[in-house]
Amino acid sequence: YCRFVVAVPAEMKNCSLKDLKYKRVATKFPVVAERYFRSQGLQVDVITLHGNIELAPLMGLADMIVDIVSTGRTLKENNLVELVKIMDSTTRLISNRVSYRTKYEQIQPLVEKMQTIVKGGSEG
């Protein structure tokens, strides 16, 4: 279970969503970010980045980020706080039937590893 969130530097934790108008947003998910802010009636500048986008506010590249969060540990490590949850997200493994049959030996170990992790086991 994960969630898409708007995260801001800790010193902005008391701002409202309306305070974010005309701000720069760094994200790996520009469509999600654009749709969300448009639905809120907010005009923002969405900057598509790859890698550790949590660094964007620290480096002055953006005022906030939109990212997928599970525990929030990485946000805390980078002095960011979750301001708004945009939506929940879950992971799905998708394979068409033909590929699953023809590449069973490559796909099945991945399926088993994911099942172990989901059931609370170790991924090692």
PDB file of N, CA and C in Angstrom:
ATOM      1  N   TYR A   1       0.833  -1.176   0.000  1.00  0.00           N
ATOM      2  CA  TYR A   1       0.000   0.000   0.000  1.00  0.00           C
ATOM      3  C   TYR A   1       0.876   1.236   0.000  1.00  0.00           C
ATOM      4  N   CYS A   2       0.616   2.134  -0.921  1.00  0.00           N
ATOM      5  CA  CYS A   2       1.327   3.410  -1.007  1.00  0.00           C
ATOM      6  C   CYS A   2       0.303   4.502  -1.274  1.00  0.00           C
ATOM      7  N   ARG A   3       0.783   5.735  -1.265  1.00  0.00           N
ATOM      8  CA  ARG A   3      -0.103   6.855  -1.561  1.00  0.00           C
ATOM      9  C   ARG A   3       0.682   7.932  -2.295  1.00  0.00           C
ATOM     10  N   PHE A   4      -0.007   8.620  -3.195  1.00  0.00           N
ATOM     11  CA  PHE A   4       0.556   9.802  -3.832  1.00  0.00           C
ATOM     12  C   PHE A   4       0.306  10.969  -2.898  1.00  0.00           C
ATOM     13  N   VAL A   5       1.340  11.780  -2.641  1.00  0.00           N
ATOM     14  CA  VAL A   5       1.200  12.906  -1.723  1.00  0.00           C
ATOM     15  C   VAL A   5       1.842  14.163  -2.290  1.00  0.00           C
ATOM     16  N   VAL A   6       1.381  15.291  -1.757  1.00  0.00           N
ATOM     17  CA  VAL A   6       2.077  16.559  -1.930  1.00  0.00           C
ATOM     18  C   VAL A   6       2.902  16.726  -0.659  1.00  0.00           C
ATOM     19  N   ALA A   7       4.202  16.888  -0.808  1.00  0.00           N
ATOM     20  CA  ALA A   7       5.080  17.074   0.349  1.00  0.00           C
ATOM     21  C   ALA A   7       5.810  18.404   0.213  1.00  0.00           C
ATOM     22  N   VAL A   8       5.988  19.056   1.353  1.00  0.00           N
ATOM     23  CA  VAL A   8       6.623  20.376   1.390  1.00  0.00           C
ATOM     24  C   VAL A   8       7.729  20.375   2.444  1.00  0.00           C
ATOM     25  N   PRO A   9       8.641  21.350   2.373  1.00  0.00           N
ATOM     26  CA  PRO A   9       9.634  21.473   3.444  1.00  0.00           C
ATOM     27  C   PRO A   9       8.941  21.663   4.787  1.00  0.00           C
ATOM     28  N   ALA A  10       9.541  21.143   5.843  1.00  0.00           N
ATOM     29  CA  ALA A  10       8.930  21.160   7.178  1.00  0.00           C
ATOM     30  C   ALA A  10       8.500  22.555   7.612  1.00  0.00           C
ATOM     31  N   GLU A  11       9.240  23.587   7.208  1.00  0.00           N
ATOM     32  CA  GLU A  11       8.868  24.945   7.612  1.00  0.00           C
ATOM     33  C   GLU A  11       7.577  25.435   6.948  1.00  0.00           C
ATOM     34  N   MET A  12       7.085  24.693   5.936  1.00  0.00           N
ATOM     35  CA  MET A  12       5.825  25.052   5.269  1.00  0.00           C
ATOM     36  C   MET A  12       4.667  24.172   5.736  1.00  0.00           C
ATOM     37  N   LYS A  13       4.859  23.384   6.786  1.00  0.00           N
ATOM     38  CA  LYS A  13       3.856  22.397   7.192  1.00  0.00           C
ATOM     39  C   LYS A  13       2.516  23.010   7.581  1.00  0.00           C
ATOM     40  N   ASN A  14       2.488  24.270   7.964  1.00  0.00           N
ATOM     41  CA  ASN A  14       1.233  24.906   8.372  1.00  0.00           C
ATOM     42  C   ASN A  14       0.558  25.683   7.251  1.00  0.00           C
ATOM     43  N   CYS A  15       1.117  25.634   6.046  1.00  0.00           N
ATOM     44  CA  CYS A  15       0.485  26.364   4.948  1.00  0.00           C
ATOM     45  C   CYS A  15      -0.722  25.577   4.439  1.00  0.00           C
ATOM     46  N   SER A  16      -1.619  26.281   3.789  1.00  0.00           N
ATOM     47  CA  SER A  16      -2.793  25.622   3.210  1.00  0.00           C
ATOM     48  C   SER A  16      -2.509  25.329   1.745  1.00  0.00           C
ATOM     49  N   LEU A  17      -3.340  24.509   1.156  1.00  0.00           N
ATOM     50  CA  LEU A  17      -3.185  24.169  -0.248  1.00  0.00           C
ATOM     51  C   LEU A  17      -3.248  25.425  -1.111  1.00  0.00           C
ATOM     52  N   LYS A  18      -4.099  26.362  -0.769  1.00  0.00           N
ATOM     53  CA  LYS A  18      -4.236  27.601  -1.548  1.00  0.00           C
ATOM     54  C   LYS A  18      -2.947  28.421  -1.533  1.00  0.00           C
ATOM     55  N   ASP A  19      -2.124  28.263  -0.491  1.00  0.00           N
ATOM     56  CA  ASP A  19      -0.841  28.969  -0.423  1.00  0.00           C
ATOM     57  C   ASP A  19       0.145  28.451  -1.468  1.00  0.00           C
ATOM     58  N   LEU A  20      -0.163  27.324  -2.070  1.00  0.00           N
ATOM     59  CA  LEU A  20       0.754  26.695  -3.014  1.00  0.00           C
ATOM     60  C   LEU A  20       0.554  27.164  -4.449  1.00  0.00           C
ATOM     61  N   LYS A  21      -0.365  28.070  -4.673  1.00  0.00           N
ATOM     62  CA  LYS A  21      -0.640  28.580  -6.014  1.00  0.00           C
ATOM     63  C   LYS A  21       0.609  29.250  -6.576  1.00  0.00           C
ATOM     64  N   TYR A  22       0.856  29.018  -7.852  1.00  0.00           N
ATOM     65  CA  TYR A  22       1.999  29.576  -8.584  1.00  0.00           C
ATOM     66  C   TYR A  22       3.348  29.080  -8.064  1.00  0.00           C
ATOM     67  N   LYS A  23       3.374  27.901  -7.504  1.00  0.00           N
ATOM     68  CA  LYS A  23       4.615  27.317  -6.995  1.00  0.00           C
ATOM     69  C   LYS A  23       5.149  26.275  -7.980  1.00  0.00           C
ATOM     70  N   ARG A  24       6.386  25.872  -7.767  1.00  0.00           N
ATOM     71  CA  ARG A  24       7.026  24.848  -8.597  1.00  0.00           C
ATOM     72  C   ARG A  24       6.929  23.493  -7.898  1.00  0.00           C
ATOM     73  N   VAL A  25       6.519  22.481  -8.663  1.00  0.00           N
ATOM     74  CA  VAL A  25       6.325  21.130  -8.136  1.00  0.00           C
ATOM     75  C   VAL A  25       7.246  20.163  -8.875  1.00  0.00           C
ATOM     76  N   ALA A  26       8.104  19.469  -8.153  1.00  0.00           N
ATOM     77  CA  ALA A  26       8.963  18.445  -8.750  1.00  0.00           C
ATOM     78  C   ALA A  26       8.293  17.086  -8.578  1.00  0.00           C
ATOM     79  N   THR A  27       8.343  16.265  -9.630  1.00  0.00           N
ATOM     80  CA  THR A  27       7.701  14.960  -9.564  1.00  0.00           C
ATOM     81  C   THR A  27       8.214  14.036 -10.655  1.00  0.00           C
ATOM     82  N   LYS A  28       8.055  12.741 -10.423  1.00  0.00           N
ATOM     83  CA  LYS A  28       8.277  11.727 -11.450  1.00  0.00           C
ATOM     84  C   LYS A  28       6.962  11.423 -12.161  1.00  0.00           C
ATOM     85  N   PHE A  29       5.877  12.008 -11.657  1.00  0.00           N
ATOM     86  CA  PHE A  29       4.529  11.696 -12.128  1.00  0.00           C
ATOM     87  C   PHE A  29       3.815  12.981 -12.547  1.00  0.00           C
ATOM     88  N   PRO A  30       4.234  13.601 -13.662  1.00  0.00           N
ATOM     89  CA  PRO A  30       3.672  14.900 -14.038  1.00  0.00           C
ATOM     90  C   PRO A  30       2.171  14.882 -14.320  1.00  0.00           C
ATOM     91  N   VAL A  31       1.663  13.808 -14.888  1.00  0.00           N
ATOM     92  CA  VAL A  31       0.226  13.753 -15.186  1.00  0.00           C
ATOM     93  C   VAL A  31      -0.587  13.751 -13.894  1.00  0.00           C
ATOM     94  N   VAL A  32      -0.169  12.960 -12.914  1.00  0.00           N
ATOM     95  CA  VAL A  32      -0.855  12.922 -11.618  1.00  0.00           C
ATOM     96  C   VAL A  32      -0.832  14.305 -10.980  1.00  0.00           C
ATOM     97  N   ALA A  33       0.335  14.938 -10.970  1.00  0.00           N
ATOM     98  CA  ALA A  33       0.473  16.259 -10.347  1.00  0.00           C
ATOM     99  C   ALA A  33      -0.388  17.301 -11.057  1.00  0.00           C
ATOM    100  N   GLU A  34      -0.308  17.347 -12.374  1.00  0.00           N
ATOM    101  CA  GLU A  34      -1.077  18.341 -13.131  1.00  0.00           C
ATOM    102  C   GLU A  34      -2.571  18.165 -12.917  1.00  0.00           C
ATOM    103  N   ARG A  35      -3.041  16.936 -12.994  1.00  0.00           N
ATOM    104  CA  ARG A  35      -4.481  16.689 -12.797  1.00  0.00           C
ATOM    105  C   ARG A  35      -4.927  17.075 -11.391  1.00  0.00           C
ATOM    106  N   TYR A  36      -4.113  16.737 -10.398  1.00  0.00           N
ATOM    107  CA  TYR A  36      -4.500  17.051  -9.026  1.00  0.00           C
ATOM    108  C   TYR A  36      -4.602  18.560  -8.813  1.00  0.00           C
ATOM    109  N   PHE A  37      -3.567  19.288  -9.171  1.00  0.00           N
ATOM    110  CA  PHE A  37      -3.590  20.730  -8.927  1.00  0.00           C
ATOM    111  C   PHE A  37      -4.657  21.428  -9.769  1.00  0.00           C
ATOM    112  N   ARG A  38      -4.879  20.944 -10.987  1.00  0.00           N
ATOM    113  CA  ARG A  38      -5.959  21.503 -11.810  1.00  0.00           C
ATOM    114  C   ARG A  38      -7.305  21.263 -11.131  1.00  0.00           C
ATOM    115  N   SER A  39      -7.503  20.074 -10.567  1.00  0.00           N
ATOM    116  CA  SER A  39      -8.781  19.766  -9.895  1.00  0.00           C
ATOM    117  C   SER A  39      -8.997  20.645  -8.667  1.00  0.00           C
ATOM    118  N   GLN A  40      -7.909  21.165  -8.109  1.00  0.00           N
ATOM    119  CA  GLN A  40      -7.994  22.041  -6.943  1.00  0.00           C
ATOM    120  C   GLN A  40      -8.054  23.515  -7.342  1.00  0.00           C
ATOM    121  N   GLY A  41      -8.026  23.775  -8.650  1.00  0.00           N
ATOM    122  CA  GLY A  41      -8.066  25.148  -9.137  1.00  0.00           C
ATOM    123  C   GLY A  41      -6.773  25.905  -8.901  1.00  0.00           C
ATOM    124  N   LEU A  42      -5.665  25.180  -8.813  1.00  0.00           N
ATOM    125  CA  LEU A  42      -4.371  25.807  -8.541  1.00  0.00           C
ATOM    126  C   LEU A  42      -3.462  25.711  -9.756  1.00  0.00           C
ATOM    127  N   GLN A  43      -2.867  26.819 -10.107  1.00  0.00           N
ATOM    128  CA  GLN A  43      -1.919  26.846 -11.204  1.00  0.00           C
ATOM    129  C   GLN A  43      -0.519  26.684 -10.627  1.00  0.00           C
ATOM    130  N   VAL A  44       0.167  25.633 -11.051  1.00  0.00           N
ATOM    131  CA  VAL A  44       1.531  25.370 -10.587  1.00  0.00           C
ATOM    132  C   VAL A  44       2.406  25.046 -11.792  1.00  0.00           C
ATOM    133  N   ASP A  45       3.691  25.142 -11.608  1.00  0.00           N
ATOM    134  CA  ASP A  45       4.659  24.785 -12.636  1.00  0.00           C
ATOM    135  C   ASP A  45       5.198  23.399 -12.293  1.00  0.00           C
ATOM    136  N   VAL A  46       4.827  22.396 -13.082  1.00  0.00           N
ATOM    137  CA  VAL A  46       5.247  21.017 -12.823  1.00  0.00           C
ATOM    138  C   VAL A  46       6.578  20.754 -13.520  1.00  0.00           C
ATOM    139  N   ILE A  47       7.547  20.321 -12.742  1.00  0.00           N
ATOM    140  CA  ILE A  47       8.884  20.016 -13.244  1.00  0.00           C
ATOM    141  C   ILE A  47       9.095  18.511 -13.135  1.00  0.00           C
ATOM    142  N   THR A  48       9.304  17.861 -14.266  1.00  0.00           N
ATOM    143  CA  THR A  48       9.528  16.415 -14.265  1.00  0.00           C
ATOM    144  C   THR A  48      10.999  16.129 -13.978  1.00  0.00           C
ATOM    145  N   LEU A  49      11.232  15.379 -12.916  1.00  0.00           N
ATOM    146  CA  LEU A  49      12.588  14.985 -12.535  1.00  0.00           C
ATOM    147  C   LEU A  49      12.645  13.470 -12.380  1.00  0.00           C
ATOM    148  N   HIS A  50      13.844  12.942 -12.411  1.00  0.00           N
ATOM    149  CA  HIS A  50      14.057  11.513 -12.184  1.00  0.00           C
ATOM    150  C   HIS A  50      15.062  11.372 -11.053  1.00  0.00           C
ATOM    151  N   GLY A  51      15.018  10.279 -10.364  1.00  0.00           N
ATOM    152  CA  GLY A  51      15.937  10.081  -9.248  1.00  0.00           C
ATOM    153  C   GLY A  51      15.316  10.529  -7.941  1.00  0.00           C
ATOM    154  N   ASN A  52      16.128  11.030  -7.046  1.00  0.00           N
ATOM    155  CA  ASN A  52      15.673  11.430  -5.710  1.00  0.00           C
ATOM    156  C   ASN A  52      15.030  12.808  -5.745  1.00  0.00           C
ATOM    157  N   ILE A  53      13.754  12.859  -6.037  1.00  0.00           N
ATOM    158  CA  ILE A  53      13.093  14.163  -6.148  1.00  0.00           C
ATOM    159  C   ILE A  53      12.950  14.858  -4.806  1.00  0.00           C
ATOM    160  N   GLU A  54      13.135  14.116  -3.713  1.00  0.00           N
ATOM    161  CA  GLU A  54      13.068  14.738  -2.387  1.00  0.00           C
ATOM    162  C   GLU A  54      14.126  15.829  -2.230  1.00  0.00           C
ATOM    163  N   LEU A  55      15.154  15.779  -3.053  1.00  0.00           N
ATOM    164  CA  LEU A  55      16.220  16.781  -2.982  1.00  0.00           C
ATOM    165  C   LEU A  55      15.852  18.086  -3.682  1.00  0.00           C
ATOM    166  N   ALA A  56      14.838  18.071  -4.537  1.00  0.00           N
ATOM    167  CA  ALA A  56      14.485  19.263  -5.324  1.00  0.00           C
ATOM    168  C   ALA A  56      14.224  20.502  -4.467  1.00  0.00           C
ATOM    169  N   PRO A  57      13.421  20.422  -3.395  1.00  0.00           N
ATOM    170  CA  PRO A  57      13.231  21.622  -2.570  1.00  0.00           C
ATOM    171  C   PRO A  57      14.520  22.068  -1.871  1.00  0.00           C
ATOM    172  N   LEU A  58      15.344  21.123  -1.455  1.00  0.00           N
ATOM    173  CA  LEU A  58      16.602  21.456  -0.780  1.00  0.00           C
ATOM    174  C   LEU A  58      17.575  22.174  -1.707  1.00  0.00           C
ATOM    175  N   MET A  59      17.509  21.840  -3.001  1.00  0.00           N
ATOM    176  CA  MET A  59      18.417  22.433  -3.978  1.00  0.00           C
ATOM    177  C   MET A  59      17.832  23.674  -4.641  1.00  0.00           C
ATOM    178  N   GLY A  60      16.611  24.047  -4.262  1.00  0.00           N
ATOM    179  CA  GLY A  60      15.989  25.228  -4.847  1.00  0.00           C
ATOM    180  C   GLY A  60      15.372  25.009  -6.213  1.00  0.00           C
ATOM    181  N   LEU A  61      15.230  23.748  -6.627  1.00  0.00           N
ATOM    182  CA  LEU A  61      14.630  23.444  -7.925  1.00  0.00           C
ATOM    183  C   LEU A  61      13.110  23.514  -7.888  1.00  0.00           C
ATOM    184  N   ALA A  62      12.521  23.288  -6.714  1.00  0.00           N
ATOM    185  CA  ALA A  62      11.064  23.266  -6.581  1.00  0.00           C
ATOM    186  C   ALA A  62      10.682  23.678  -5.168  1.00  0.00           C
ATOM    187  N   ASP A  63       9.425  24.084  -5.020  1.00  0.00           N
ATOM    188  CA  ASP A  63       8.900  24.473  -3.713  1.00  0.00           C
ATOM    189  C   ASP A  63       8.315  23.280  -2.967  1.00  0.00           C
ATOM    190  N   MET A  64       7.902  22.263  -3.731  1.00  0.00           N
ATOM    191  CA  MET A  64       7.262  21.079  -3.153  1.00  0.00           C
ATOM    192  C   MET A  64       7.436  19.922  -4.116  1.00  0.00           C
ATOM    193  N   ILE A  65       7.011  18.731  -3.686  1.00  0.00           N
ATOM    194  CA  ILE A  65       7.082  17.558  -4.552  1.00  0.00           C
ATOM    195  C   ILE A  65       5.751  16.813  -4.536  1.00  0.00           C
ATOM    196  N   VAL A  66       5.528  16.037  -5.579  1.00  0.00           N
ATOM    197  CA  VAL A  66       4.460  15.038  -5.608  1.00  0.00           C
ATOM    198  C   VAL A  66       5.180  13.717  -5.815  1.00  0.00           C
ATOM    199  N   ASP A  67       4.954  12.779  -4.893  1.00  0.00           N
ATOM    200  CA  ASP A  67       5.665  11.507  -4.971  1.00  0.00           C
ATOM    201  C   ASP A  67       4.818  10.395  -4.366  1.00  0.00           C
ATOM    202  N   ILE A  68       5.260   9.157  -4.589  1.00  0.00           N
ATOM    203  CA  ILE A  68       4.632   7.998  -3.964  1.00  0.00           C
ATOM    204  C   ILE A  68       5.335   7.758  -2.635  1.00  0.00           C
ATOM    205  N   VAL A  69       4.552   7.592  -1.579  1.00  0.00           N
ATOM    206  CA  VAL A  69       5.084   7.415  -0.232  1.00  0.00           C
ATOM    207  C   VAL A  69       4.487   6.155   0.377  1.00  0.00           C
ATOM    208  N   SER A  70       5.317   5.399   1.079  1.00  0.00           N
ATOM    209  CA  SER A  70       4.828   4.247   1.821  1.00  0.00           C
ATOM    210  C   SER A  70       4.925   4.526   3.314  1.00  0.00           C
ATOM    211  N   THR A  71       6.127   4.647   3.828  1.00  0.00           N
ATOM    212  CA  THR A  71       6.304   4.880   5.269  1.00  0.00           C
ATOM    213  C   THR A  71       6.534   6.344   5.610  1.00  0.00           C
ATOM    214  N   GLY A  72       7.019   7.126   4.660  1.00  0.00           N
ATOM    215  CA  GLY A  72       7.334   8.527   4.924  1.00  0.00           C
ATOM    216  C   GLY A  72       8.746   8.740   5.434  1.00  0.00           C
ATOM    217  N   ARG A  73       9.505   7.666   5.550  1.00  0.00           N
ATOM    218  CA  ARG A  73      10.869   7.753   6.080  1.00  0.00           C
ATOM    219  C   ARG A  73      11.761   8.657   5.228  1.00  0.00           C
ATOM    220  N   THR A  74      11.697   8.502   3.899  1.00  0.00           N
ATOM    221  CA  THR A  74      12.537   9.314   3.018  1.00  0.00           C
ATOM    222  C   THR A  74      12.162  10.786   3.096  1.00  0.00           C
ATOM    223  N   LEU A  75      10.863  11.061   3.245  1.00  0.00           N
ATOM    224  CA  LEU A  75      10.448  12.458   3.416  1.00  0.00           C
ATOM    225  C   LEU A  75      11.096  13.042   4.668  1.00  0.00           C
ATOM    226  N   LYS A  76      10.992  12.319   5.773  1.00  0.00           N
ATOM    227  CA  LYS A  76      11.563  12.799   7.042  1.00  0.00           C
ATOM    228  C   LYS A  76      13.067  13.002   6.938  1.00  0.00           C
ATOM    229  N   GLU A  77      13.741  12.077   6.274  1.00  0.00           N
ATOM    230  CA  GLU A  77      15.195  12.185   6.117  1.00  0.00           C
ATOM    231  C   GLU A  77      15.601  13.437   5.351  1.00  0.00           C
ATOM    232  N   ASN A  78      14.686  13.950   4.519  1.00  0.00           N
ATOM    233  CA  ASN A  78      14.966  15.134   3.716  1.00  0.00           C
ATOM    234  C   ASN A  78      14.220  16.368   4.212  1.00  0.00           C
ATOM    235  N   ASN A  79      13.773  16.322   5.477  1.00  0.00           N
ATOM    236  CA  ASN A  79      13.097  17.450   6.118  1.00  0.00           C
ATOM    237  C   ASN A  79      11.838  17.891   5.363  1.00  0.00           C
ATOM    238  N   LEU A  80      11.104  16.911   4.840  1.00  0.00           N
ATOM    239  CA  LEU A  80       9.840  17.178   4.153  1.00  0.00           C
ATOM    240  C   LEU A  80       8.699  16.587   4.966  1.00  0.00           C
ATOM    241  N   VAL A  81       7.522  17.183   4.821  1.00  0.00           N
ATOM    242  CA  VAL A  81       6.331  16.667   5.492  1.00  0.00           C
ATOM    243  C   VAL A  81       5.214  16.505   4.475  1.00  0.00           C
ATOM    244  N   GLU A  82       4.394  15.512   4.723  1.00  0.00           N
ATOM    245  CA  GLU A  82       3.240  15.244   3.878  1.00  0.00           C
ATOM    246  C   GLU A  82       2.187  16.311   4.161  1.00  0.00           C
ATOM    247  N   LEU A  83       1.805  17.059   3.126  1.00  0.00           N
ATOM    248  CA  LEU A  83       0.803  18.104   3.289  1.00  0.00           C
ATOM    249  C   LEU A  83      -0.587  17.595   2.919  1.00  0.00           C
ATOM    250  N   VAL A  84      -0.665  16.874   1.798  1.00  0.00           N
ATOM    251  CA  VAL A  84      -1.950  16.397   1.290  1.00  0.00           C
ATOM    252  C   VAL A  84      -1.776  15.016   0.668  1.00  0.00           C
ATOM    253  N   LYS A  85      -2.707  14.106   0.946  1.00  0.00           N
ATOM    254  CA  LYS A  85      -2.739  12.823   0.235  1.00  0.00           C
ATOM    255  C   LYS A  85      -3.586  13.020  -1.011  1.00  0.00           C
ATOM    256  N   ILE A  86      -3.016  12.724  -2.162  1.00  0.00           N
ATOM    257  CA  ILE A  86      -3.745  12.851  -3.426  1.00  0.00           C
ATOM    258  C   ILE A  86      -4.615  11.625  -3.650  1.00  0.00           C
ATOM    259  N   MET A  87      -4.014  10.433  -3.505  1.00  0.00           N
ATOM    260  CA  MET A  87      -4.768   9.188  -3.691  1.00  0.00           C
ATOM    261  C   MET A  87      -3.942   8.015  -3.207  1.00  0.00           C
ATOM    262  N   ASP A  88      -4.614   6.910  -2.947  1.00  0.00           N
ATOM    263  CA  ASP A  88      -3.948   5.662  -2.590  1.00  0.00           C
ATOM    264  C   ASP A  88      -3.489   4.961  -3.860  1.00  0.00           C
ATOM    265  N   SER A  89      -2.495   4.109  -3.718  1.00  0.00           N
ATOM    266  CA  SER A  89      -1.963   3.380  -4.855  1.00  0.00           C
ATOM    267  C   SER A  89      -1.509   1.997  -4.395  1.00  0.00           C
ATOM    268  N   THR A  90      -1.701   1.011  -5.227  1.00  0.00           N
ATOM    269  CA  THR A  90      -1.202  -0.333  -4.953  1.00  0.00           C
ATOM    270  C   THR A  90      -0.434  -0.824  -6.174  1.00  0.00           C
ATOM    271  N   THR A  91       0.417  -1.802  -5.964  1.00  0.00           N
ATOM    272  CA  THR A  91       1.231  -2.359  -7.037  1.00  0.00           C
ATOM    273  C   THR A  91       0.544  -3.586  -7.613  1.00  0.00           C
ATOM    274  N   ARG A  92       0.621  -3.722  -8.917  1.00  0.00           N
ATOM    275  CA  ARG A  92       0.050  -4.879  -9.602  1.00  0.00           C
ATOM    276  C   ARG A  92       1.088  -5.448 -10.559  1.00  0.00           C
ATOM    277  N   LEU A  93       1.155  -6.746 -10.632  1.00  0.00           N
ATOM    278  CA  LEU A  93       1.990  -7.411 -11.620  1.00  0.00           C
ATOM    279  C   LEU A  93       1.065  -7.851 -12.744  1.00  0.00           C
ATOM    280  N   ILE A  94       1.357  -7.383 -13.936  1.00  0.00           N
ATOM    281  CA  ILE A  94       0.498  -7.690 -15.080  1.00  0.00           C
ATOM    282  C   ILE A  94       1.320  -8.445 -16.119  1.00  0.00           C
ATOM    283  N   SER A  95       0.760  -9.547 -16.586  1.00  0.00           N
ATOM    284  CA  SER A  95       1.397 -10.331 -17.633  1.00  0.00           C
ATOM    285  C   SER A  95       0.298 -10.897 -18.518  1.00  0.00           C
ATOM    286  N   ASN A  96       0.499 -10.814 -19.821  1.00  0.00           N
ATOM    287  CA  ASN A  96      -0.521 -11.430 -20.669  1.00  0.00           C
ATOM    288  C   ASN A  96      -0.351 -12.946 -20.631  1.00  0.00           C
ATOM    289  N   ARG A  97      -1.388 -13.654 -20.985  1.00  0.00           N
ATOM    290  CA  ARG A  97      -1.405 -15.116 -20.831  1.00  0.00           C
ATOM    291  C   ARG A  97      -0.321 -15.814 -21.639  1.00  0.00           C
ATOM    292  N   VAL A  98      -0.091 -15.342 -22.848  1.00  0.00           N
ATOM    293  CA  VAL A  98       0.917 -15.981 -23.698  1.00  0.00           C
ATOM    294  C   VAL A  98       2.307 -15.807 -23.086  1.00  0.00           C
ATOM    295  N   SER A  99       2.633 -14.598 -22.663  1.00  0.00           N
ATOM    296  CA  SER A  99       3.947 -14.357 -22.043  1.00  0.00           C
ATOM    297  C   SER A  99       4.101 -15.153 -20.756  1.00  0.00           C
ATOM    298  N   TYR A 100       3.032 -15.242 -19.977  1.00  0.00           N
ATOM    299  CA  TYR A 100       3.114 -15.983 -18.723  1.00  0.00           C
ATOM    300  C   TYR A 100       3.448 -17.446 -18.989  1.00  0.00           C
ATOM    301  N   ARG A 101       2.874 -17.999 -20.059  1.00  0.00           N
ATOM    302  CA  ARG A 101       3.150 -19.404 -20.387  1.00  0.00           C
ATOM    303  C   ARG A 101       4.542 -19.580 -20.995  1.00  0.00           C
ATOM    304  N   THR A 102       4.911 -18.689 -21.912  1.00  0.00           N
ATOM    305  CA  THR A 102       6.188 -18.858 -22.611  1.00  0.00           C
ATOM    306  C   THR A 102       7.387 -18.414 -21.774  1.00  0.00           C
ATOM    307  N   LYS A 103       7.171 -17.550 -20.805  1.00  0.00           N
ATOM    308  CA  LYS A 103       8.266 -17.056 -19.959  1.00  0.00           C
ATOM    309  C   LYS A 103       8.027 -17.396 -18.486  1.00  0.00           C
ATOM    310  N   TYR A 104       7.335 -18.501 -18.262  1.00  0.00           N
ATOM    311  CA  TYR A 104       6.972 -18.921 -16.908  1.00  0.00           C
ATOM    312  C   TYR A 104       8.181 -18.999 -15.981  1.00  0.00           C
ATOM    313  N   GLU A 105       9.282 -19.554 -16.476  1.00  0.00           N
ATOM    314  CA  GLU A 105      10.467 -19.738 -15.628  1.00  0.00           C
ATOM    315  C   GLU A 105      11.080 -18.414 -15.183  1.00  0.00           C
ATOM    316  N   GLN A 106      10.898 -17.352 -15.960  1.00  0.00           N
ATOM    317  CA  GLN A 106      11.398 -16.037 -15.556  1.00  0.00           C
ATOM    318  C   GLN A 106      10.396 -15.294 -14.677  1.00  0.00           C
ATOM    319  N   ILE A 107       9.119 -15.474 -14.946  1.00  0.00           N
ATOM    320  CA  ILE A 107       8.077 -14.719 -14.236  1.00  0.00           C
ATOM    321  C   ILE A 107       7.751 -15.325 -12.874  1.00  0.00           C
ATOM    322  N   GLN A 108       7.662 -16.643 -12.782  1.00  0.00           N
ATOM    323  CA  GLN A 108       7.206 -17.287 -11.551  1.00  0.00           C
ATOM    324  C   GLN A 108       8.065 -16.970 -10.321  1.00  0.00           C
ATOM    325  N   PRO A 109       9.398 -16.944 -10.421  1.00  0.00           N
ATOM    326  CA  PRO A 109      10.185 -16.573  -9.229  1.00  0.00           C
ATOM    327  C   PRO A 109       9.862 -15.160  -8.725  1.00  0.00           C
ATOM    328  N   LEU A 110       9.594 -14.245  -9.636  1.00  0.00           N
ATOM    329  CA  LEU A 110       9.206 -12.892  -9.244  1.00  0.00           C
ATOM    330  C   LEU A 110       7.861 -12.902  -8.528  1.00  0.00           C
ATOM    331  N   VAL A 111       6.916 -13.669  -9.050  1.00  0.00           N
ATOM    332  CA  VAL A 111       5.597 -13.793  -8.418  1.00  0.00           C
ATOM    333  C   VAL A 111       5.745 -14.356  -7.008  1.00  0.00           C
ATOM    334  N   GLU A 112       6.529 -15.410  -6.858  1.00  0.00           N
ATOM    335  CA  GLU A 112       6.718 -16.035  -5.541  1.00  0.00           C
ATOM    336  C   GLU A 112       7.399 -15.083  -4.560  1.00  0.00           C
ATOM    337  N   LYS A 113       8.378 -14.330  -5.023  1.00  0.00           N
ATOM    338  CA  LYS A 113       9.070 -13.368  -4.167  1.00  0.00           C
ATOM    339  C   LYS A 113       8.098 -12.286  -3.691  1.00  0.00           C
ATOM    340  N   MET A 114       7.267 -11.793  -4.605  1.00  0.00           N
ATOM    341  CA  MET A 114       6.285 -10.770  -4.243  1.00  0.00           C
ATOM    342  C   MET A 114       5.272 -11.324  -3.246  1.00  0.00           C
ATOM    343  N   GLN A 115       4.831 -12.566  -3.444  1.00  0.00           N
ATOM    344  CA  GLN A 115       3.881 -13.173  -2.509  1.00  0.00           C
ATOM    345  C   GLN A 115       4.488 -13.300  -1.117  1.00  0.00           C
ATOM    346  N   THR A 116       5.754 -13.664  -1.033  1.00  0.00           N
ATOM    347  CA  THR A 116       6.438 -13.777   0.262  1.00  0.00           C
ATOM    348  C   THR A 116       6.483 -12.429   0.967  1.00  0.00           C
ATOM    349  N   ILE A 117       6.828 -11.390   0.228  1.00  0.00           N
ATOM    350  CA  ILE A 117       6.907 -10.047   0.815  1.00  0.00           C
ATOM    351  C   ILE A 117       5.541  -9.583   1.289  1.00  0.00           C
ATOM    352  N   VAL A 118       4.518  -9.792   0.465  1.00  0.00           N
ATOM    353  CA  VAL A 118       3.157  -9.370   0.823  1.00  0.00           C
ATOM    354  C   VAL A 118       2.677 -10.087   2.077  1.00  0.00           C
ATOM    355  N   LYS A 119       3.053 -11.350   2.224  1.00  0.00           N
ATOM    356  CA  LYS A 119       2.636 -12.125   3.399  1.00  0.00           C
ATOM    357  C   LYS A 119       3.475 -11.810   4.631  1.00  0.00           C
ATOM    358  N   GLY A 120       4.427 -10.875   4.492  1.00  0.00           N
ATOM    359  CA  GLY A 120       5.214 -10.457   5.645  1.00  0.00           C
ATOM    360  C   GLY A 120       6.531 -11.170   5.807  1.00  0.00           C
ATOM    361  N   GLY A 121       6.937 -11.894   4.793  1.00  0.00           N
ATOM    362  CA  GLY A 121       8.212 -12.593   4.881  1.00  0.00           C
ATOM    363  C   GLY A 121       9.359 -11.706   4.448  1.00  0.00           C
ATOM    364  N   SER A 122      10.525 -12.288   4.403  1.00  0.00           N
ATOM    365  CA  SER A 122      11.724 -11.563   3.987  1.00  0.00           C
ATOM    366  C   SER A 122      11.864 -11.650   2.481  1.00  0.00           C
ATOM    367  N   GLU A 123      12.364 -10.583   1.872  1.00  0.00           N
ATOM    368  CA  GLU A 123      12.564 -10.614   0.434  1.00  0.00           C
ATOM    369  C   GLU A 123      13.874 -11.269   0.042  1.00  0.00           C
ATOM    370  N   GLY A 124      14.730 -11.570   1.011  1.00  0.00           N
ATOM    371  CA  GLY A 124      16.035 -12.186   0.730  1.00  0.00           C
ATOM    372  C   GLY A 124      15.861 -13.628   0.599  1.00  0.00           C
TER     373      GLY A 124
END
